[in-house]
C-alpha atoms as a PDB file:
ATOM      1  CA  MET A   1       0.173 -17.353 -15.661  1.00  0.00           C
ATOM      2  CA  ALA A   2      -2.911 -17.432 -13.015  1.00  0.00           C
ATOM      3  CA  ARG A   3      -4.233 -14.634 -11.769  1.00  0.00           C
ATOM      4  CA  SER A   4      -3.172 -14.729  -7.709  1.00  0.00           C
ATOM      5  CA  THR A   5      -6.494 -13.968  -5.305  1.00  0.00           C
ATOM      6  CA  ASP A   6      -5.931 -10.565  -5.250  1.00  0.00           C
ATOM      7  CA  GLU A   7      -5.969  -9.551  -8.920  1.00  0.00           C
ATOM      8  CA  LEU A   8      -9.743 -11.513  -8.965  1.00  0.00           C
ATOM      9  CA  LYS A   9     -10.757  -9.645  -6.044  1.00  0.00           C
ATOM     10  CA  ARG A  10      -9.820  -6.138  -8.294  1.00  0.00           C
ATOM     11  CA  LEU A  11     -11.381  -7.713 -11.001  1.00  0.00           C
ATOM     12  CA  ALA A  12     -14.501  -8.318  -9.132  1.00  0.00           C
ATOM     13  CA  ALA A  13     -14.810  -4.810  -7.572  1.00  0.00           C
ATOM     14  CA  GLU A  14     -13.923  -3.128 -10.793  1.00  0.00           C
ATOM     15  CA  ARG A  15     -16.569  -4.886 -12.837  1.00  0.00           C
ATOM     16  CA  ALA A  16     -19.042  -3.838  -9.616  1.00  0.00           C
ATOM     17  CA  ALA A  17     -17.914  -0.166 -10.583  1.00  0.00           C
ATOM     18  CA  LEU A  18     -19.671  -0.330 -13.512  1.00  0.00           C
ATOM     19  CA  PHE A  19     -23.131  -0.253 -11.867  1.00  0.00           C
ATOM     20  CA  LEU A  20     -22.050   3.107  -9.906  1.00  0.00           C
ATOM     21  CA  GLU A  21     -24.154   5.311 -12.451  1.00  0.00           C
ATOM     22  CA  GLY A  22     -26.600   7.388 -10.774  1.00  0.00           C
ATOM     23  CA  VAL A  23     -25.770   6.037  -7.439  1.00  0.00           C
ATOM     24  CA  ARG A  24     -25.941   9.155  -4.614  1.00  0.00           C
ATOM     25  CA  VAL A  25     -25.729   7.093  -1.650  1.00  0.00           C
ATOM     26  CA  LEU A  26     -23.457   4.474  -1.700  1.00  0.00           C
ATOM     27  CA  GLY A  27     -22.650   1.564   1.266  1.00  0.00           C
ATOM     28  CA  LEU A  28     -19.355   0.562   1.509  1.00  0.00           C
ATOM     29  CA  GLY A  29     -18.724  -3.411   2.955  1.00  0.00           C
ATOM     30  CA  THR A  30     -15.786  -4.580   5.127  1.00  0.00           C
ATOM     31  CA  GLY A  31     -13.401  -7.639   4.454  1.00  0.00           C
ATOM     32  CA  SER A  32     -10.330  -7.783   1.923  1.00  0.00           C
ATOM     33  CA  THR A  33     -12.610  -7.946  -1.415  1.00  0.00           C
ATOM     34  CA  ALA A  34     -14.671  -4.759  -0.394  1.00  0.00           C
ATOM     35  CA  ALA A  35     -11.595  -3.147   0.137  1.00  0.00           C
ATOM     36  CA  HIS A  36      -9.995  -3.246  -3.164  1.00  0.00           C
ATOM     37  CA  PHE A  37     -13.753  -1.956  -4.301  1.00  0.00           C
ATOM     38  CA  VAL A  38     -13.322   0.600  -1.626  1.00  0.00           C
ATOM     39  CA  GLU A  39     -10.064   1.757  -3.782  1.00  0.00           C
ATOM     40  CA  VAL A  40     -11.716   1.552  -6.750  1.00  0.00           C
ATOM     41  CA  VAL A  41     -14.419   4.139  -6.023  1.00  0.00           C
ATOM     42  CA  GLY A  42     -11.211   6.085  -4.574  1.00  0.00           C
ATOM     43  CA  GLU A  43      -9.820   6.148  -7.518  1.00  0.00           C
ATOM     44  CA  MET A  44     -12.657   7.237  -9.736  1.00  0.00           C
ATOM     45  CA  VAL A  45     -13.580  10.180  -6.658  1.00  0.00           C
ATOM     46  CA  GLN A  46      -9.949  11.826  -7.401  1.00  0.00           C
ATOM     47  CA  ALA A  47     -10.502  11.249 -11.432  1.00  0.00           C
ATOM     48  CA  GLY A  48     -13.429  13.690 -10.761  1.00  0.00           C
ATOM     49  CA  ASP A  49     -15.971  11.032 -11.306  1.00  0.00           C
ATOM     50  CA  LEU A  50     -18.839  10.661  -8.562  1.00  0.00           C
ATOM     51  CA  GLU A  51     -18.753  13.988  -7.121  1.00  0.00           C
ATOM     52  CA  ASP A  52     -22.453  13.831  -5.988  1.00  0.00           C
ATOM     53  CA  MET A  53     -22.430  10.496  -4.056  1.00  0.00           C
ATOM     54  CA  VAL A  54     -21.621  10.346  -0.745  1.00  0.00           C
ATOM     55  CA  ALA A  55     -20.791   6.844   1.277  1.00  0.00           C
ATOM     56  CA  ILE A  56     -21.705   4.561   4.135  1.00  0.00           C
ATOM     57  CA  PRO A  57     -19.071   2.839   5.482  1.00  0.00           C
ATOM     58  CA  THR A  58     -19.913  -0.178   7.583  1.00  0.00           C
ATOM     59  CA  SER A  59     -16.928  -0.114   9.901  1.00  0.00           C
ATOM     60  CA  VAL A  60     -14.721   2.113  11.294  1.00  0.00           C
ATOM     61  CA  ALA A  61     -11.647  -0.057   9.069  1.00  0.00           C
ATOM     62  CA  THR A  62     -13.569   0.607   5.858  1.00  0.00           C
ATOM     63  CA  GLU A  63     -14.227   4.418   6.961  1.00  0.00           C
ATOM     64  CA  LYS A  64     -10.714   4.887   7.474  1.00  0.00           C
ATOM     65  CA  GLN A  65      -9.486   3.804   4.222  1.00  0.00           C
ATOM     66  CA  ALA A  66     -12.202   6.185   2.429  1.00  0.00           C
ATOM     67  CA  HIS A  67     -11.259   8.849   4.440  1.00  0.00           C
ATOM     68  CA  GLU A  68      -7.750   8.595   2.780  1.00  0.00           C
ATOM     69  CA  LEU A  69      -9.025   8.029  -0.495  1.00  0.00           C
ATOM     70  CA  GLY A  70     -11.061  11.208  -0.525  1.00  0.00           C
ATOM     71  CA  ILE A  71     -14.048   9.707  -0.588  1.00  0.00           C
ATOM     72  CA  THR A  72     -16.968  11.535   1.128  1.00  0.00           C
ATOM     73  CA  ILE A  73     -18.699   9.963   4.140  1.00  0.00           C
ATOM     74  CA  THR A  74     -21.920  10.327   5.684  1.00  0.00           C
ATOM     75  CA  ASP A  75     -24.101   8.322   7.960  1.00  0.00           C
ATOM     76  CA  LEU A  76     -27.572   6.231   8.276  1.00  0.00           C
ATOM     77  CA  GLU A  77     -29.097   9.436  10.321  1.00  0.00           C
ATOM     78  CA  SER A  78     -28.515  12.051   7.414  1.00  0.00           C
ATOM     79  CA  HIS A  79     -29.131   9.413   4.652  1.00  0.00           C
ATOM     80  CA  PRO A  80     -31.249   6.615   5.951  1.00  0.00           C
ATOM     81  CA  GLN A  81     -32.073   5.203   2.155  1.00  0.00           C
ATOM     82  CA  VAL A  82     -29.184   3.820   0.257  1.00  0.00           C
ATOM     83  CA  ASP A  83     -28.990   3.499  -2.888  1.00  0.00           C
ATOM     84  CA  LEU A  84     -26.270   0.313  -3.559  1.00  0.00           C
ATOM     85  CA  THR A  85     -24.065  -0.969  -1.363  1.00  0.00           C
ATOM     86  CA  VAL A  86     -21.544  -3.093  -2.374  1.00  0.00           C
ATOM     87  CA  ASP A  87     -19.656  -5.784  -0.162  1.00  0.00           C
ATOM     88  CA  GLY A  88     -17.945  -9.472  -0.014  1.00  0.00           C
ATOM     89  CA  ALA A  89     -18.910 -12.293   1.435  1.00  0.00           C
ATOM     90  CA  ASP A  90     -17.589 -15.556   2.963  1.00  0.00           C
ATOM     91  CA  GLU A  91     -19.759 -18.272   1.017  1.00  0.00           C
ATOM     92  CA  VAL A  92     -22.224 -17.699  -1.940  1.00  0.00           C
ATOM     93  CA  SER A  93     -24.903 -20.567  -2.501  1.00  0.00           C
ATOM     94  CA  HIS A  94     -26.468 -20.630  -5.299  1.00  0.00           C
ATOM     95  CA  ASP A  95     -29.395 -19.265  -4.655  1.00  0.00           C
ATOM     96  CA  LEU A  96     -27.237 -15.989  -3.505  1.00  0.00           C
ATOM     97  CA  ASP A  97     -27.501 -16.592  -0.139  1.00  0.00           C
ATOM     98  CA  LEU A  98     -24.431 -15.929   1.832  1.00  0.00           C
ATOM     99  CA  ILE A  99     -22.174 -16.302   4.839  1.00  0.00           C
ATOM    100  CA  LYS A 100     -20.633 -12.852   6.318  1.00  0.00           C
ATOM    101  CA  GLY A 101     -18.959 -12.098   8.950  1.00  0.00           C
ATOM    102  CA  LEU A 102     -15.515 -13.097   9.181  1.00  0.00           C
ATOM    103  CA  GLY A 103     -14.472  -9.738   8.366  1.00  0.00           C
ATOM    104  CA  GLY A 104     -15.920  -8.893  11.920  1.00  0.00           C
ATOM    105  CA  ALA A 105     -18.658  -6.100  10.676  1.00  0.00           C
ATOM    106  CA  LEU A 106     -21.469  -8.326  10.579  1.00  0.00           C
ATOM    107  CA  THR A 107     -23.865  -6.275  12.100  1.00  0.00           C
ATOM    108  CA  ARG A 108     -22.853  -2.732  10.633  1.00  0.00           C
ATOM    109  CA  GLU A 109     -23.204  -4.880   7.152  1.00  0.00           C
ATOM    110  CA  LYS A 110     -26.683  -6.234   7.462  1.00  0.00           C
ATOM    111  CA  ILE A 111     -28.074  -2.814   8.837  1.00  0.00           C
ATOM    112  CA  VAL A 112     -26.453  -1.242   5.505  1.00  0.00           C
ATOM    113  CA  ALA A 113     -27.584  -3.808   3.246  1.00  0.00           C
ATOM    114  CA  SER A 114     -31.010  -3.903   4.433  1.00  0.00           C
ATOM    115  CA  ALA A 115     -31.479  -0.303   4.190  1.00  0.00           C
ATOM    116  CA  SER A 116     -30.101  -0.328   1.020  1.00  0.00           C
ATOM    117  CA  ARG A 117     -32.028  -0.610  -2.466  1.00  0.00           C
ATOM    118  CA  GLU A 118     -29.963  -3.016  -4.222  1.00  0.00           C
ATOM    119  CA  LEU A 119     -26.764  -5.049  -2.819  1.00  0.00           C
ATOM    120  CA  ILE A 120     -24.210  -6.323  -5.137  1.00  0.00           C
ATOM    121  CA  ILE A 121     -21.610  -8.827  -3.766  1.00  0.00           C
ATOM    122  CA  VAL A 122     -17.759  -9.183  -4.994  1.00  0.00           C
ATOM    123  CA  ALA A 123     -16.110 -12.323  -4.870  1.00  0.00           C
ATOM    124  CA  ASP A 124     -13.592 -14.804  -6.443  1.00  0.00           C
ATOM    125  CA  ASP A 125     -14.947 -17.831  -7.411  1.00  0.00           C
ATOM    126  CA  SER A 126     -13.373 -19.849  -3.821  1.00  0.00           C
ATOM    127  CA  LYS A 127     -16.402 -18.211  -2.011  1.00  0.00           C
ATOM    128  CA  MET A 128     -19.316 -20.085  -4.260  1.00  0.00           C
ATOM    129  CA  VAL A 129     -20.786 -23.630  -2.355  1.00  0.00           C
ATOM    130  CA  THR A 130     -23.010 -26.062  -2.678  1.00  0.00           C
ATOM    131  CA  ALA A 131     -24.646 -25.203   0.765  1.00  0.00           C
ATOM    132  CA  LEU A 132     -23.902 -22.686   3.573  1.00  0.00           C
ATOM    133  CA  GLY A 133     -21.560 -23.836   6.279  1.00  0.00           C
ATOM    134  CA  GLU A 134     -19.649 -25.750   3.304  1.00  0.00           C
ATOM    135  CA  LYS A 135     -16.556 -24.073   3.970  1.00  0.00           C
ATOM    136  CA  SER A 136     -16.604 -21.343   6.456  1.00  0.00           C
ATOM    137  CA  PRO A 137     -18.048 -20.794   9.912  1.00  0.00           C
ATOM    138  CA  LEU A 138     -21.018 -19.304  10.753  1.00  0.00           C
ATOM    139  CA  PRO A 139     -20.304 -15.915  12.599  1.00  0.00           C
ATOM    140  CA  VAL A 140     -22.411 -14.595  15.589  1.00  0.00           C
ATOM    141  CA  GLU A 141     -22.105 -11.778  17.078  1.00  0.00           C
ATOM    142  CA  VAL A 142     -23.469 -11.517  20.654  1.00  0.00           C
ATOM    143  CA  MET A 143     -23.039  -8.964  23.499  1.00  0.00           C
ATOM    144  CA  PRO A 144     -20.088  -9.918  26.249  1.00  0.00           C
ATOM    145  CA  PHE A 145     -22.855  -9.940  28.826  1.00  0.00           C
ATOM    146  CA  GLY A 146     -23.637 -13.779  29.190  1.00  0.00           C
ATOM    147  CA  TRP A 147     -21.726 -14.782  26.050  1.00  0.00           C
ATOM    148  CA  LYS A 148     -21.355 -18.561  27.762  1.00  0.00           C
ATOM    149  CA  THR A 149     -24.750 -18.991  28.321  1.00  0.00           C
ATOM    150  CA  VAL A 150     -25.183 -17.638  24.610  1.00  0.00           C
ATOM    151  CA  ALA A 151     -22.713 -20.639  23.752  1.00  0.00           C
ATOM    152  CA  LEU A 152     -24.745 -23.658  25.114  1.00  0.00           C
ATOM    153  CA  LYS A 153     -27.627 -22.366  23.847  1.00  0.00           C
ATOM    154  CA  LEU A 154     -25.819 -22.267  20.193  1.00  0.00           C
ATOM    155  CA  GLN A 155     -24.896 -25.835  20.944  1.00  0.00           C
ATOM    156  CA  ASN A 156     -28.515 -27.048  21.839  1.00  0.00           C
ATOM    157  CA  LEU A 157     -29.002 -25.812  17.992  1.00  0.00           C
ATOM    158  CA  GLY A 158     -26.193 -28.079  16.601  1.00  0.00           C
ATOM    159  CA  ALA A 159     -23.552 -25.690  16.268  1.00  0.00           C
ATOM    160  CA  GLU A 160     -20.041 -25.772  17.560  1.00  0.00           C
ATOM    161  CA  PRO A 161     -19.318 -22.170  18.861  1.00  0.00           C
ATOM    162  CA  ASP A 162     -15.729 -21.085  18.880  1.00  0.00           C
ATOM    163  CA  LEU A 163     -14.932 -17.588  20.374  1.00  0.00           C
ATOM    164  CA  ARG A 164     -13.135 -15.719  18.669  1.00  0.00           C
ATOM    165  CA  CYS A 165      -9.530 -14.429  19.775  1.00  0.00           C
ATOM    166  CA  LYS A 166      -6.833 -11.786  18.509  1.00  0.00           C
ATOM    167  CA  GLY A 167      -3.602 -11.367  20.831  1.00  0.00           C
ATOM    168  CA  GLY A 168      -5.176 -13.900  23.234  1.00  0.00           C
ATOM    169  CA  LYS A 169      -8.164 -12.224  24.300  1.00  0.00           C
ATOM    170  CA  PRO A 170     -11.524 -12.098  22.789  1.00  0.00           C
ATOM    171  CA  PHE A 171     -11.861 -10.410  19.740  1.00  0.00           C
ATOM    172  CA  LYS A 172     -14.192  -7.287  19.777  1.00  0.00           C
ATOM    173  CA  THR A 173     -16.198  -5.787  17.031  1.00  0.00           C
ATOM    174  CA  ASP A 174     -16.829  -1.977  16.695  1.00  0.00           C
ATOM    175  CA  GLN A 175     -19.536  -2.512  18.982  1.00  0.00           C
ATOM    176  CA  GLY A 176     -17.399  -3.779  21.328  1.00  0.00           C
ATOM    177  CA  ASN A 177     -19.252  -7.178  21.223  1.00  0.00           C
ATOM    178  CA  TYR A 178     -18.003 -10.697  21.017  1.00  0.00           C
ATOM    179  CA  ILE A 179     -17.886 -13.314  17.856  1.00  0.00           C
ATOM    180  CA  PHE A 180     -18.350 -16.866  17.531  1.00  0.00           C
ATOM    181  CA  ASP A 181     -17.461 -18.894  14.650  1.00  0.00           C
ATOM    182  CA  CYS A 182     -20.190 -21.710  14.828  1.00  0.00           C
ATOM    183  CA  MET A 183     -19.526 -24.869  12.424  1.00  0.00           C
ATOM    184  CA  PHE A 184     -22.149 -27.039  11.899  1.00  0.00           C
ATOM    185  CA  ALA A 185     -21.135 -30.622  11.333  1.00  0.00           C
ATOM    186  CA  ALA A 186     -23.707 -31.024   8.472  1.00  0.00           C
ATOM    187  CA  GLY A 187     -23.766 -27.638   7.399  1.00  0.00           C
ATOM    188  CA  ILE A 188     -26.645 -25.695   7.575  1.00  0.00           C
ATOM    189  CA  THR A 189     -29.421 -27.572   5.945  1.00  0.00           C
ATOM    190  CA  GLU A 190     -32.204 -25.160   6.665  1.00  0.00           C
ATOM    191  CA  PRO A 191     -30.838 -21.572   7.011  1.00  0.00           C
ATOM    192  CA  ASP A 192     -33.969 -20.058   7.196  1.00  0.00           C
ATOM    193  CA  ALA A 193     -35.086 -22.107  10.591  1.00  0.00           C
ATOM    194  CA  ILE A 194     -31.523 -22.198  11.810  1.00  0.00           C
ATOM    195  CA  GLY A 195     -31.010 -17.987  11.463  1.00  0.00           C
ATOM    196  CA  LYS A 196     -34.523 -17.721  13.129  1.00  0.00           C
ATOM    197  CA  LEU A 197     -33.454 -20.013  16.219  1.00  0.00           C
ATOM    198  CA  ILE A 198     -30.149 -17.920  16.534  1.00  0.00           C
ATOM    199  CA  ASP A 199     -31.590 -14.541  16.277  1.00  0.00           C
ATOM    200  CA  SER A 200     -34.222 -15.845  19.202  1.00  0.00           C
ATOM    201  CA  ILE A 201     -31.310 -15.946  21.806  1.00  0.00           C
ATOM    202  CA  PRO A 202     -31.349 -13.513  24.124  1.00  0.00           C
ATOM    203  CA  GLY A 203     -27.440 -11.818  23.757  1.00  0.00           C
ATOM    204  CA  VAL A 204     -27.643 -12.887  20.413  1.00  0.00           C
ATOM    205  CA  VAL A 205     -26.854  -9.071  18.576  1.00  0.00           C
ATOM    206  CA  ALA A 206     -26.955 -10.868  14.808  1.00  0.00           C
ATOM    207  CA  GLN A 207     -25.824 -13.729  12.920  1.00  0.00           C
ATOM    208  CA  GLY A 208     -23.968 -13.684   9.573  1.00  0.00           C
ATOM    209  CA  MET A 209     -26.368 -15.518   7.135  1.00  0.00           C
ATOM    210  CA  PHE A 210     -27.893 -12.938   5.177  1.00  0.00           C
ATOM    211  CA  LEU A 211     -30.404 -14.910   2.416  1.00  0.00           C
ATOM    212  CA  GLY A 212     -32.400 -13.338  -0.031  1.00  0.00           C
ATOM    213  CA  MET A 213     -30.646  -9.954   0.364  1.00  0.00           C
ATOM    214  CA  ALA A 214     -27.747  -9.994  -2.808  1.00  0.00           C
ATOM    215  CA  ASP A 215     -29.701  -8.840  -6.063  1.00  0.00           C
ATOM    216  CA  ARG A 216     -26.531  -9.626  -7.704  1.00  0.00           C
ATOM    217  CA  VAL A 217     -23.386 -11.534  -7.159  1.00  0.00           C
ATOM    218  CA  ILE A 218     -20.261 -10.597  -9.593  1.00  0.00           C
ATOM    219  CA  ILE A 219     -17.612 -13.678  -9.260  1.00  0.00           C
ATOM    220  CA  ALA A 220     -14.281 -13.512 -10.495  1.00  0.00           C
ATOM    221  CA  SER A 221     -12.182 -16.183 -11.756  1.00  0.00           C
ATOM    222  CA  GLU A 222      -9.644 -17.107 -14.459  1.00  0.00           C
ATOM    223  CA  GLY A 223     -12.639 -16.605 -17.304  1.00  0.00           C
ATOM    224  CA  GLY A 224     -13.044 -12.979 -15.968  1.00  0.00           C
ATOM    225  CA  ALA A 225     -15.975 -12.083 -14.141  1.00  0.00           C
ATOM    226  CA  ARG A 226     -19.210 -12.841 -14.549  1.00  0.00           C
ATOM    227  CA  VAL A 227     -22.591 -11.435 -13.092  1.00  0.00           C
ATOM    228  CA  LEU A 228     -24.975 -13.640 -11.178  1.00  0.00           C
ATOM    229  CA  GLU A 229     -28.717 -12.128 -10.642  1.00  0.00           C
ATOM    230  CA  ARG A 230     -31.335 -13.037  -8.386  1.00  0.00           C
ATOM    231  CA  SER A 231     -34.351 -14.768 -10.251  1.00  0.00           C
END
């Protein structure tokens, strides 16, 4: 019987846990696959392992889950350098570049990832793409003030920005910002250039391309979990 998507996510999370030896400050990602990893870490903590480890969550939801599992929580103010962050991704290219943010936490995820000595991504094989933008829209977090102006500027870059909504109202991130989910008809052919152009738009808080940031990606498939490393 084929494994379910949840089973594959759990498999990737369990493999990532093998890299926790010696980790004292751990960044915890956000999203369905990252939640499986948080669950694995919680089980290890409850078993008496990882006694000296503290964790920095990348969202309110992850913080709540970690707290319920007995994981000791800290923040970047107390620990500005993170040993390891484990997070999920919405797309992973063969160069290990990523699109993240469908879970709505891309800004905090990017901050914690940038503070980390190592970033490990956990995903199932459906997240692998030939080029970024192939399957997933690119999330762009923006300030509510002037969001329509930002939308026009995103359109000028070739994007089709769709304001993310929840319950008929604009979805708000933990920082109170909005998110545009941006599709590119031809895909994102020049990620680095497009990323810099989006970042330069006044009102943009962060965009969801994580370029050159992942050190390892753990991909789970029917054949098991394999570890891809940045060359």
